[in-house]
Amino acid sequence: RHPNADKLVVTQVDINKGENVQIITGAKNVKEGDIVPVCLEGAVLPNGLKIKKTNFRGLPSYGMMCSYEELGFDDKVIPKEARDGIAILPANTELGKDIKEV
């Protein structure tokens, strides 16, 4: 939990580069051990949103956990009901792999 916000969670995300990255999220469907798509500082989402370091109530977040919708997947690829919330990938998904290859 975030010490200054009841609805935010401070996470340490293993991005398979020998380090963890702190990402703060308000997502309710993510739990420890889940493999999720992450966009790091400098990435640009299909809707044009540029990911940058952001402070949430005094703590830094260096990226964003993403939903299929935020990643630009449409109904032909991922059903609408599966596009809400953070995308949870299969447990055997290789860390650091591009989401387009999963």
PDB file of N, CA and C in Angstrom:
ATOM      1  N   ARG A   1       0.831  -1.204   0.000  1.00  0.00           N
ATOM      2  CA  ARG A   1       0.000   0.000   0.000  1.00  0.00           C
ATOM      3  C   ARG A   1       0.864   1.253   0.000  1.00  0.00           C
ATOM      4  N   HIS A   2       0.297   2.288  -0.551  1.00  0.00           N
ATOM      5  CA  HIS A   2       0.963   3.592  -0.550  1.00  0.00           C
ATOM      6  C   HIS A   2       0.720   4.216   0.827  1.00  0.00           C
ATOM      7  N   PRO A   3       1.761   4.743   1.471  1.00  0.00           N
ATOM      8  CA  PRO A   3       1.575   5.291   2.816  1.00  0.00           C
ATOM      9  C   PRO A   3       0.680   6.527   2.874  1.00  0.00           C
ATOM     10  N   ASN A   4       0.484   7.213   1.740  1.00  0.00           N
ATOM     11  CA  ASN A   4      -0.310   8.443   1.742  1.00  0.00           C
ATOM     12  C   ASN A   4      -1.562   8.371   0.878  1.00  0.00           C
ATOM     13  N   ALA A   5      -1.938   7.170   0.430  1.00  0.00           N
ATOM     14  CA  ALA A   5      -3.119   7.034  -0.427  1.00  0.00           C
ATOM     15  C   ALA A   5      -3.676   5.618  -0.311  1.00  0.00           C
ATOM     16  N   ASP A   6      -4.891   5.513   0.187  1.00  0.00           N
ATOM     17  CA  ASP A   6      -5.510   4.207   0.411  1.00  0.00           C
ATOM     18  C   ASP A   6      -5.733   3.402  -0.858  1.00  0.00           C
ATOM     19  N   LYS A   7      -5.966   4.069  -1.991  1.00  0.00           N
ATOM     20  CA  LYS A   7      -6.313   3.355  -3.220  1.00  0.00           C
ATOM     21  C   LYS A   7      -5.125   3.094  -4.140  1.00  0.00           C
ATOM     22  N   LEU A   8      -3.932   3.482  -3.717  1.00  0.00           N
ATOM     23  CA  LEU A   8      -2.741   3.249  -4.534  1.00  0.00           C
ATOM     24  C   LEU A   8      -1.866   2.174  -3.904  1.00  0.00           C
ATOM     25  N   VAL A   9      -1.172   1.438  -4.765  1.00  0.00           N
ATOM     26  CA  VAL A   9      -0.264   0.387  -4.315  1.00  0.00           C
ATOM     27  C   VAL A   9       1.115   0.662  -4.898  1.00  0.00           C
ATOM     28  N   VAL A  10       2.134   0.606  -4.054  1.00  0.00           N
ATOM     29  CA  VAL A  10       3.520   0.770  -4.488  1.00  0.00           C
ATOM     30  C   VAL A  10       4.058  -0.624  -4.792  1.00  0.00           C
ATOM     31  N   THR A  11       4.491  -0.833  -6.032  1.00  0.00           N
ATOM     32  CA  THR A  11       4.992  -2.146  -6.431  1.00  0.00           C
ATOM     33  C   THR A  11       6.455  -2.059  -6.846  1.00  0.00           C
ATOM     34  N   GLN A  12       7.131  -3.171  -6.764  1.00  0.00           N
ATOM     35  CA  GLN A  12       8.482  -3.326  -7.299  1.00  0.00           C
ATOM     36  C   GLN A  12       8.357  -4.353  -8.418  1.00  0.00           C
ATOM     37  N   VAL A  13       8.579  -3.912  -9.650  1.00  0.00           N
ATOM     38  CA  VAL A  13       8.340  -4.750 -10.819  1.00  0.00           C
ATOM     39  C   VAL A  13       9.666  -5.257 -11.376  1.00  0.00           C
ATOM     40  N   ASP A  14       9.778  -6.578 -11.492  1.00  0.00           N
ATOM     41  CA  ASP A  14      10.956  -7.216 -12.083  1.00  0.00           C
ATOM     42  C   ASP A  14      10.827  -7.115 -13.599  1.00  0.00           C
ATOM     43  N   ILE A  15      11.713  -6.339 -14.227  1.00  0.00           N
ATOM     44  CA  ILE A  15      11.644  -6.163 -15.682  1.00  0.00           C
ATOM     45  C   ILE A  15      12.719  -6.983 -16.398  1.00  0.00           C
ATOM     46  N   ASN A  16      13.329  -7.922 -15.664  1.00  0.00           N
ATOM     47  CA  ASN A  16      14.296  -8.857 -16.228  1.00  0.00           C
ATOM     48  C   ASN A  16      15.546  -8.180 -16.770  1.00  0.00           C
ATOM     49  N   LYS A  17      15.951  -7.123 -16.125  1.00  0.00           N
ATOM     50  CA  LYS A  17      17.194  -6.455 -16.502  1.00  0.00           C
ATOM     51  C   LYS A  17      18.106  -6.346 -15.279  1.00  0.00           C
ATOM     52  N   GLY A  18      17.928  -7.242 -14.338  1.00  0.00           N
ATOM     53  CA  GLY A  18      18.747  -7.233 -13.142  1.00  0.00           C
ATOM     54  C   GLY A  18      18.337  -6.185 -12.128  1.00  0.00           C
ATOM     55  N   GLU A  19      17.163  -5.628 -12.315  1.00  0.00           N
ATOM     56  CA  GLU A  19      16.698  -4.601 -11.385  1.00  0.00           C
ATOM     57  C   GLU A  19      15.180  -4.604 -11.298  1.00  0.00           C
ATOM     58  N   ASN A  20      14.690  -4.080 -10.201  1.00  0.00           N
ATOM     59  CA  ASN A  20      13.262  -3.857 -10.047  1.00  0.00           C
ATOM     60  C   ASN A  20      12.982  -2.388 -10.283  1.00  0.00           C
ATOM     61  N   VAL A  21      11.807  -2.107 -10.817  1.00  0.00           N
ATOM     62  CA  VAL A  21      11.384  -0.739 -11.086  1.00  0.00           C
ATOM     63  C   VAL A  21      10.154  -0.455 -10.231  1.00  0.00           C
ATOM     64  N   GLN A  22      10.162   0.666  -9.525  1.00  0.00           N
ATOM     65  CA  GLN A  22       9.004   1.042  -8.717  1.00  0.00           C
ATOM     66  C   GLN A  22       7.917   1.611  -9.618  1.00  0.00           C
ATOM     67  N   ILE A  23       6.733   1.001  -9.545  1.00  0.00           N
ATOM     68  CA  ILE A  23       5.567   1.488 -10.275  1.00  0.00           C
ATOM     69  C   ILE A  23       4.414   1.560  -9.286  1.00  0.00           C
ATOM     70  N   ILE A  24       3.741   2.687  -9.277  1.00  0.00           N
ATOM     71  CA  ILE A  24       2.585   2.883  -8.399  1.00  0.00           C
ATOM     72  C   ILE A  24       1.335   2.721  -9.248  1.00  0.00           C
ATOM     73  N   THR A  25       0.388   1.953  -8.733  1.00  0.00           N
ATOM     74  CA  THR A  25      -0.821   1.667  -9.492  1.00  0.00           C
ATOM     75  C   THR A  25      -2.057   1.749  -8.607  1.00  0.00           C
ATOM     76  N   GLY A  26      -3.167   2.008  -9.236  1.00  0.00           N
ATOM     77  CA  GLY A  26      -4.457   1.963  -8.569  1.00  0.00           C
ATOM     78  C   GLY A  26      -5.252   0.753  -9.029  1.00  0.00           C
ATOM     79  N   ALA A  27      -4.642  -0.088  -9.857  1.00  0.00           N
ATOM     80  CA  ALA A  27      -5.330  -1.267 -10.398  1.00  0.00           C
ATOM     81  C   ALA A  27      -5.706  -2.224  -9.277  1.00  0.00           C
ATOM     82  N   LYS A  28      -6.890  -2.791  -9.405  1.00  0.00           N
ATOM     83  CA  LYS A  28      -7.390  -3.699  -8.380  1.00  0.00           C
ATOM     84  C   LYS A  28      -7.210  -5.164  -8.758  1.00  0.00           C
ATOM     85  N   ASN A  29      -6.876  -5.424 -10.034  1.00  0.00           N
ATOM     86  CA  ASN A  29      -6.832  -6.820 -10.478  1.00  0.00           C
ATOM     87  C   ASN A  29      -5.424  -7.418 -10.500  1.00  0.00           C
ATOM     88  N   VAL A  30      -4.432  -6.713  -9.966  1.00  0.00           N
ATOM     89  CA  VAL A  30      -3.053  -7.203  -9.996  1.00  0.00           C
ATOM     90  C   VAL A  30      -2.650  -7.692  -8.609  1.00  0.00           C
ATOM     91  N   LYS A  31      -1.970  -8.838  -8.595  1.00  0.00           N
ATOM     92  CA  LYS A  31      -1.470  -9.356  -7.317  1.00  0.00           C
ATOM     93  C   LYS A  31      -0.002  -9.748  -7.470  1.00  0.00           C
ATOM     94  N   GLU A  32       0.685  -9.892  -6.362  1.00  0.00           N
ATOM     95  CA  GLU A  32       2.098 -10.250  -6.383  1.00  0.00           C
ATOM     96  C   GLU A  32       2.303 -11.526  -7.183  1.00  0.00           C
ATOM     97  N   GLY A  33       3.297 -11.512  -8.061  1.00  0.00           N
ATOM     98  CA  GLY A  33       3.607 -12.675  -8.885  1.00  0.00           C
ATOM     99  C   GLY A  33       2.989 -12.636 -10.267  1.00  0.00           C
ATOM    100  N   ASP A  34       1.994 -11.767 -10.482  1.00  0.00           N
ATOM    101  CA  ASP A  34       1.392 -11.645 -11.813  1.00  0.00           C
ATOM    102  C   ASP A  34       2.421 -11.116 -12.798  1.00  0.00           C
ATOM    103  N   ILE A  35       2.333 -11.585 -14.029  1.00  0.00           N
ATOM    104  CA  ILE A  35       3.162 -11.060 -15.109  1.00  0.00           C
ATOM    105  C   ILE A  35       2.283 -10.126 -15.919  1.00  0.00           C
ATOM    106  N   VAL A  36       2.714  -8.877 -16.019  1.00  0.00           N
ATOM    107  CA  VAL A  36       1.903  -7.841 -16.665  1.00  0.00           C
ATOM    108  C   VAL A  36       2.755  -7.056 -17.663  1.00  0.00           C
ATOM    109  N   PRO A  37       2.115  -6.491 -18.699  1.00  0.00           N
ATOM    110  CA  PRO A  37       2.868  -5.617 -19.596  1.00  0.00           C
ATOM    111  C   PRO A  37       3.169  -4.291 -18.903  1.00  0.00           C
ATOM    112  N   VAL A  38       4.395  -3.821 -19.096  1.00  0.00           N
ATOM    113  CA  VAL A  38       4.843  -2.586 -18.464  1.00  0.00           C
ATOM    114  C   VAL A  38       5.451  -1.676 -19.519  1.00  0.00           C
ATOM    115  N   CYS A  39       5.094  -0.412 -19.472  1.00  0.00           N
ATOM    116  CA  CYS A  39       5.747   0.609 -20.295  1.00  0.00           C
ATOM    117  C   CYS A  39       6.589   1.458 -19.357  1.00  0.00           C
ATOM    118  N   LEU A  40       7.854   1.606 -19.702  1.00  0.00           N
ATOM    119  CA  LEU A  40       8.774   2.368 -18.866  1.00  0.00           C
ATOM    120  C   LEU A  40       8.917   3.794 -19.365  1.00  0.00           C
ATOM    121  N   GLU A  41       9.538   4.612 -18.548  1.00  0.00           N
ATOM    122  CA  GLU A  41       9.778   6.014 -18.875  1.00  0.00           C
ATOM    123  C   GLU A  41      10.343   6.137 -20.292  1.00  0.00           C
ATOM    124  N   GLY A  42       9.728   7.003 -21.091  1.00  0.00           N
ATOM    125  CA  GLY A  42      10.155   7.224 -22.469  1.00  0.00           C
ATOM    126  C   GLY A  42       9.311   6.500 -23.498  1.00  0.00           C
ATOM    127  N   ALA A  43       8.563   5.486 -23.079  1.00  0.00           N
ATOM    128  CA  ALA A  43       7.688   4.768 -24.011  1.00  0.00           C
ATOM    129  C   ALA A  43       6.513   5.661 -24.401  1.00  0.00           C
ATOM    130  N   VAL A  44       5.953   5.407 -25.568  1.00  0.00           N
ATOM    131  CA  VAL A  44       4.778   6.142 -26.030  1.00  0.00           C
ATOM    132  C   VAL A  44       3.691   5.124 -26.357  1.00  0.00           C
ATOM    133  N   LEU A  45       2.524   5.276 -25.734  1.00  0.00           N
ATOM    134  CA  LEU A  45       1.400   4.380 -25.981  1.00  0.00           C
ATOM    135  C   LEU A  45       0.756   4.705 -27.326  1.00  0.00           C
ATOM    136  N   PRO A  46      -0.005   3.758 -27.896  1.00  0.00           N
ATOM    137  CA  PRO A  46      -0.654   4.005 -29.187  1.00  0.00           C
ATOM    138  C   PRO A  46      -1.538   5.255 -29.224  1.00  0.00           C
ATOM    139  N   ASN A  47      -2.084   5.659 -28.069  1.00  0.00           N
ATOM    140  CA  ASN A  47      -2.928   6.864 -28.034  1.00  0.00           C
ATOM    141  C   ASN A  47      -2.108   8.149 -27.925  1.00  0.00           C
ATOM    142  N   GLY A  48      -0.762   8.022 -27.957  1.00  0.00           N
ATOM    143  CA  GLY A  48       0.114   9.191 -27.905  1.00  0.00           C
ATOM    144  C   GLY A  48       0.611   9.559 -26.521  1.00  0.00           C
ATOM    145  N   LEU A  49       0.104   8.904 -25.481  1.00  0.00           N
ATOM    146  CA  LEU A  49       0.539   9.201 -24.115  1.00  0.00           C
ATOM    147  C   LEU A  49       1.997   8.796 -23.936  1.00  0.00           C
ATOM    148  N   LYS A  50       2.837   9.752 -23.539  1.00  0.00           N
ATOM    149  CA  LYS A  50       4.254   9.475 -23.290  1.00  0.00           C
ATOM    150  C   LYS A  50       4.426   9.147 -21.814  1.00  0.00           C
ATOM    151  N   ILE A  51       5.051   8.020 -21.547  1.00  0.00           N
ATOM    152  CA  ILE A  51       5.259   7.585 -20.172  1.00  0.00           C
ATOM    153  C   ILE A  51       6.468   8.322 -19.604  1.00  0.00           C
ATOM    154  N   LYS A  52       6.269   8.904 -18.431  1.00  0.00           N
ATOM    155  CA  LYS A  52       7.357   9.619 -17.772  1.00  0.00           C
ATOM    156  C   LYS A  52       7.305   9.331 -16.282  1.00  0.00           C
ATOM    157  N   LYS A  53       8.407   9.601 -15.609  1.00  0.00           N
ATOM    158  CA  LYS A  53       8.440   9.459 -14.152  1.00  0.00           C
ATOM    159  C   LYS A  53       7.408  10.418 -13.581  1.00  0.00           C
ATOM    160  N   THR A  54       6.587   9.898 -12.689  1.00  0.00           N
ATOM    161  CA  THR A  54       5.532  10.698 -12.078  1.00  0.00           C
ATOM    162  C   THR A  54       5.562  10.470 -10.577  1.00  0.00           C
ATOM    163  N   ASN A  55       5.283  11.500  -9.820  1.00  0.00           N
ATOM    164  CA  ASN A  55       5.175  11.357  -8.372  1.00  0.00           C
ATOM    165  C   ASN A  55       3.714  11.216  -7.986  1.00  0.00           C
ATOM    166  N   PHE A  56       3.433  10.194  -7.200  1.00  0.00           N
ATOM    167  CA  PHE A  56       2.097   9.977  -6.665  1.00  0.00           C
ATOM    168  C   PHE A  56       2.168  10.188  -5.165  1.00  0.00           C
ATOM    169  N   ARG A  57       1.656  11.309  -4.718  1.00  0.00           N
ATOM    170  CA  ARG A  57       1.643  11.631  -3.288  1.00  0.00           C
ATOM    171  C   ARG A  57       3.019  11.466  -2.652  1.00  0.00           C
ATOM    172  N   GLY A  58       4.035  11.987  -3.339  1.00  0.00           N
ATOM    173  CA  GLY A  58       5.378  12.010  -2.777  1.00  0.00           C
ATOM    174  C   GLY A  58       6.278  10.838  -3.114  1.00  0.00           C
ATOM    175  N   LEU A  59       5.752   9.815  -3.778  1.00  0.00           N
ATOM    176  CA  LEU A  59       6.585   8.673  -4.154  1.00  0.00           C
ATOM    177  C   LEU A  59       6.674   8.574  -5.677  1.00  0.00           C
ATOM    178  N   PRO A  60       7.871   8.276  -6.213  1.00  0.00           N
ATOM    179  CA  PRO A  60       8.037   8.208  -7.663  1.00  0.00           C
ATOM    180  C   PRO A  60       7.541   6.891  -8.258  1.00  0.00           C
ATOM    181  N   SER A  61       7.009   6.997  -9.474  1.00  0.00           N
ATOM    182  CA  SER A  61       6.626   5.842 -10.278  1.00  0.00           C
ATOM    183  C   SER A  61       7.352   5.979 -11.603  1.00  0.00           C
ATOM    184  N   TYR A  62       8.061   4.926 -12.005  1.00  0.00           N
ATOM    185  CA  TYR A  62       8.934   4.994 -13.174  1.00  0.00           C
ATOM    186  C   TYR A  62       8.360   4.302 -14.405  1.00  0.00           C
ATOM    187  N   GLY A  63       7.076   4.065 -14.408  1.00  0.00           N
ATOM    188  CA  GLY A  63       6.451   3.409 -15.548  1.00  0.00           C
ATOM    189  C   GLY A  63       4.988   3.170 -15.272  1.00  0.00           C
ATOM    190  N   MET A  64       4.407   2.328 -16.104  1.00  0.00           N
ATOM    191  CA  MET A  64       2.970   2.081 -16.003  1.00  0.00           C
ATOM    192  C   MET A  64       2.672   0.635 -16.369  1.00  0.00           C
ATOM    193  N   MET A  65       1.887  -0.036 -15.536  1.00  0.00           N
ATOM    194  CA  MET A  65       1.345  -1.344 -15.898  1.00  0.00           C
ATOM    195  C   MET A  65       0.191  -1.070 -16.849  1.00  0.00           C
ATOM    196  N   CYS A  66       0.058  -1.873 -17.892  1.00  0.00           N
ATOM    197  CA  CYS A  66      -0.895  -1.531 -18.952  1.00  0.00           C
ATOM    198  C   CYS A  66      -2.003  -2.557 -19.141  1.00  0.00           C
ATOM    199  N   SER A  67      -3.148  -2.060 -19.578  1.00  0.00           N
ATOM    200  CA  SER A  67      -4.252  -2.911 -20.009  1.00  0.00           C
ATOM    201  C   SER A  67      -4.091  -3.166 -21.503  1.00  0.00           C
ATOM    202  N   TYR A  68      -4.807  -4.165 -22.007  1.00  0.00           N
ATOM    203  CA  TYR A  68      -4.788  -4.416 -23.454  1.00  0.00           C
ATOM    204  C   TYR A  68      -5.307  -3.200 -24.211  1.00  0.00           C
ATOM    205  N   GLU A  69      -6.306  -2.529 -23.650  1.00  0.00           N
ATOM    206  CA  GLU A  69      -6.871  -1.346 -24.302  1.00  0.00           C
ATOM    207  C   GLU A  69      -5.824  -0.237 -24.417  1.00  0.00           C
ATOM    208  N   GLU A  70      -5.082   0.013 -23.342  1.00  0.00           N
ATOM    209  CA  GLU A  70      -4.038   1.050 -23.374  1.00  0.00           C
ATOM    210  C   GLU A  70      -2.943   0.718 -24.384  1.00  0.00           C
ATOM    211  N   LEU A  71      -2.746  -0.575 -24.625  1.00  0.00           N
ATOM    212  CA  LEU A  71      -1.730  -1.009 -25.581  1.00  0.00           C
ATOM    213  C   LEU A  71      -2.240  -1.025 -27.018  1.00  0.00           C
ATOM    214  N   GLY A  72      -3.517  -0.677 -27.200  1.00  0.00           N
ATOM    215  CA  GLY A  72      -4.063  -0.540 -28.544  1.00  0.00           C
ATOM    216  C   GLY A  72      -4.659  -1.797 -29.148  1.00  0.00           C
ATOM    217  N   PHE A  73      -4.848  -2.850 -28.348  1.00  0.00           N
ATOM    218  CA  PHE A  73      -5.472  -4.063 -28.877  1.00  0.00           C
ATOM    219  C   PHE A  73      -6.964  -3.809 -29.076  1.00  0.00           C
ATOM    220  N   ASP A  74      -7.507  -4.250 -30.195  1.00  0.00           N
ATOM    221  CA  ASP A  74      -8.936  -4.032 -30.438  1.00  0.00           C
ATOM    222  C   ASP A  74      -9.723  -5.326 -30.238  1.00  0.00           C
ATOM    223  N   ASP A  75     -11.045  -5.242 -30.455  1.00  0.00           N
ATOM    224  CA  ASP A  75     -11.949  -6.366 -30.215  1.00  0.00           C
ATOM    225  C   ASP A  75     -11.619  -7.593 -31.056  1.00  0.00           C
ATOM    226  N   LYS A  76     -10.980  -7.415 -32.193  1.00  0.00           N
ATOM    227  CA  LYS A  76     -10.652  -8.550 -33.059  1.00  0.00           C
ATOM    228  C   LYS A  76      -9.535  -9.403 -32.458  1.00  0.00           C
ATOM    229  N   VAL A  77      -8.729  -8.800 -31.614  1.00  0.00           N
ATOM    230  CA  VAL A  77      -7.600  -9.507 -31.010  1.00  0.00           C
ATOM    231  C   VAL A  77      -7.917  -9.929 -29.575  1.00  0.00           C
ATOM    232  N   ILE A  78      -8.430  -9.011 -28.794  1.00  0.00           N
ATOM    233  CA  ILE A  78      -8.768  -9.252 -27.384  1.00  0.00           C
ATOM    234  C   ILE A  78     -10.213  -8.806 -27.176  1.00  0.00           C
ATOM    235  N   PRO A  79     -11.098  -9.702 -26.698  1.00  0.00           N
ATOM    236  CA  PRO A  79     -12.487  -9.295 -26.461  1.00  0.00           C
ATOM    237  C   PRO A  79     -12.570  -8.103 -25.506  1.00  0.00           C
ATOM    238  N   LYS A  80     -13.563  -7.245 -25.717  1.00  0.00           N
ATOM    239  CA  LYS A  80     -13.706  -6.020 -24.924  1.00  0.00           C
ATOM    240  C   LYS A  80     -13.693  -6.297 -23.424  1.00  0.00           C
ATOM    241  N   GLU A  81     -14.395  -7.332 -22.985  1.00  0.00           N
ATOM    242  CA  GLU A  81     -14.461  -7.618 -21.542  1.00  0.00           C
ATOM    243  C   GLU A  81     -13.094  -8.000 -20.968  1.00  0.00           C
ATOM    244  N   ALA A  82     -12.169  -8.451 -21.805  1.00  0.00           N
ATOM    245  CA  ALA A  82     -10.825  -8.810 -21.336  1.00  0.00           C
ATOM    246  C   ALA A  82      -9.858  -7.636 -21.427  1.00  0.00           C
ATOM    247  N   ARG A  83     -10.294  -6.516 -22.005  1.00  0.00           N
ATOM    248  CA  ARG A  83      -9.399  -5.371 -22.181  1.00  0.00           C
ATOM    249  C   ARG A  83      -9.424  -4.413 -21.003  1.00  0.00           C
ATOM    250  N   ASP A  84     -10.341  -4.582 -20.067  1.00  0.00           N
ATOM    251  CA  ASP A  84     -10.417  -3.708 -18.897  1.00  0.00           C
ATOM    252  C   ASP A  84      -9.467  -4.206 -17.813  1.00  0.00           C
ATOM    253  N   GLY A  85      -8.907  -3.292 -17.065  1.00  0.00           N
ATOM    254  CA  GLY A  85      -7.963  -3.663 -16.011  1.00  0.00           C
ATOM    255  C   GLY A  85      -6.606  -3.994 -16.603  1.00  0.00           C
ATOM    256  N   ILE A  86      -5.628  -4.152 -15.751  1.00  0.00           N
ATOM    257  CA  ILE A  86      -4.280  -4.488 -16.201  1.00  0.00           C
ATOM    258  C   ILE A  86      -4.307  -5.868 -16.849  1.00  0.00           C
ATOM    259  N   ALA A  87      -3.620  -6.009 -17.971  1.00  0.00           N
ATOM    260  CA  ALA A  87      -3.542  -7.302 -18.652  1.00  0.00           C
ATOM    261  C   ALA A  87      -2.691  -8.250 -17.810  1.00  0.00           C
ATOM    262  N   ILE A  88      -3.236  -9.405 -17.511  1.00  0.00           N
ATOM    263  CA  ILE A  88      -2.491 -10.426 -16.778  1.00  0.00           C
ATOM    264  C   ILE A  88      -2.069 -11.475 -17.804  1.00  0.00           C
ATOM    265  N   LEU A  89      -0.772 -11.631 -17.977  1.00  0.00           N
ATOM    266  CA  LEU A  89      -0.230 -12.540 -18.981  1.00  0.00           C
ATOM    267  C   LEU A  89      -0.044 -13.934 -18.394  1.00  0.00           C
ATOM    268  N   PRO A  90       0.079 -14.957 -19.251  1.00  0.00           N
ATOM    269  CA  PRO A  90       0.291 -16.321 -18.748  1.00  0.00           C
ATOM    270  C   PRO A  90       1.535 -16.411 -17.861  1.00  0.00           C
ATOM    271  N   ALA A  91       1.478 -17.288 -16.884  1.00  0.00           N
ATOM    272  CA  ALA A  91       2.557 -17.419 -15.899  1.00  0.00           C
ATOM    273  C   ALA A  91       3.897 -17.791 -16.522  1.00  0.00           C
ATOM    274  N   ASN A  92       3.873 -18.409 -17.697  1.00  0.00           N
ATOM    275  CA  ASN A  92       5.127 -18.816 -18.338  1.00  0.00           C
ATOM    276  C   ASN A  92       5.656 -17.771 -19.323  1.00  0.00           C
ATOM    277  N   THR A  93       5.077 -16.570 -19.316  1.00  0.00           N
ATOM    278  CA  THR A  93       5.527 -15.508 -20.216  1.00  0.00           C
ATOM    279  C   THR A  93       6.937 -15.074 -19.847  1.00  0.00           C
ATOM    280  N   GLU A  94       7.793 -14.991 -20.856  1.00  0.00           N
ATOM    281  CA  GLU A  94       9.178 -14.572 -20.649  1.00  0.00           C
ATOM    282  C   GLU A  94       9.224 -13.087 -20.295  1.00  0.00           C
ATOM    283  N   LEU A  95       9.883 -12.752 -19.187  1.00  0.00           N
ATOM    284  CA  LEU A  95      10.006 -11.353 -18.781  1.00  0.00           C
ATOM    285  C   LEU A  95      10.861 -10.590 -19.782  1.00  0.00           C
ATOM    286  N   GLY A  96      10.481  -9.347 -20.042  1.00  0.00           N
ATOM    287  CA  GLY A  96      11.238  -8.494 -20.947  1.00  0.00           C
ATOM    288  C   GLY A  96      10.855  -8.645 -22.405  1.00  0.00           C
ATOM    289  N   LYS A  97       9.942  -9.537 -22.708  1.00  0.00           N
ATOM    290  CA  LYS A  97       9.533  -9.788 -24.088  1.00  0.00           C
ATOM    291  C   LYS A  97       8.530  -8.725 -24.536  1.00  0.00           C
ATOM    292  N   ASP A  98       8.613  -8.313 -25.793  1.00  0.00           N
ATOM    293  CA  ASP A  98       7.671  -7.347 -26.353  1.00  0.00           C
ATOM    294  C   ASP A  98       6.268  -7.951 -26.345  1.00  0.00           C
ATOM    295  N   ILE A  99       5.273  -7.191 -25.931  1.00  0.00           N
ATOM    296  CA  ILE A  99       3.894  -7.686 -25.826  1.00  0.00           C
ATOM    297  C   ILE A  99       3.381  -8.201 -27.171  1.00  0.00           C
ATOM    298  N   LYS A 100       3.871  -7.653 -28.270  1.00  0.00           N
ATOM    299  CA  LYS A 100       3.434  -8.106 -29.597  1.00  0.00           C
ATOM    300  C   LYS A 100       3.897  -9.528 -29.889  1.00  0.00           C
ATOM    301  N   GLU A 101       4.904  -9.988 -29.168  1.00  0.00           N
ATOM    302  CA  GLU A 101       5.427 -11.333 -29.373  1.00  0.00           C
ATOM    303  C   GLU A 101       4.802 -12.357 -28.429  1.00  0.00           C
ATOM    304  N   VAL A 102       4.005 -11.895 -27.495  1.00  0.00           N
ATOM    305  CA  VAL A 102       3.388 -12.794 -26.515  1.00  0.00           C
ATOM    306  C   VAL A 102       2.146 -13.321 -27.113  1.00  0.00           C
TER     307      VAL A 102
END
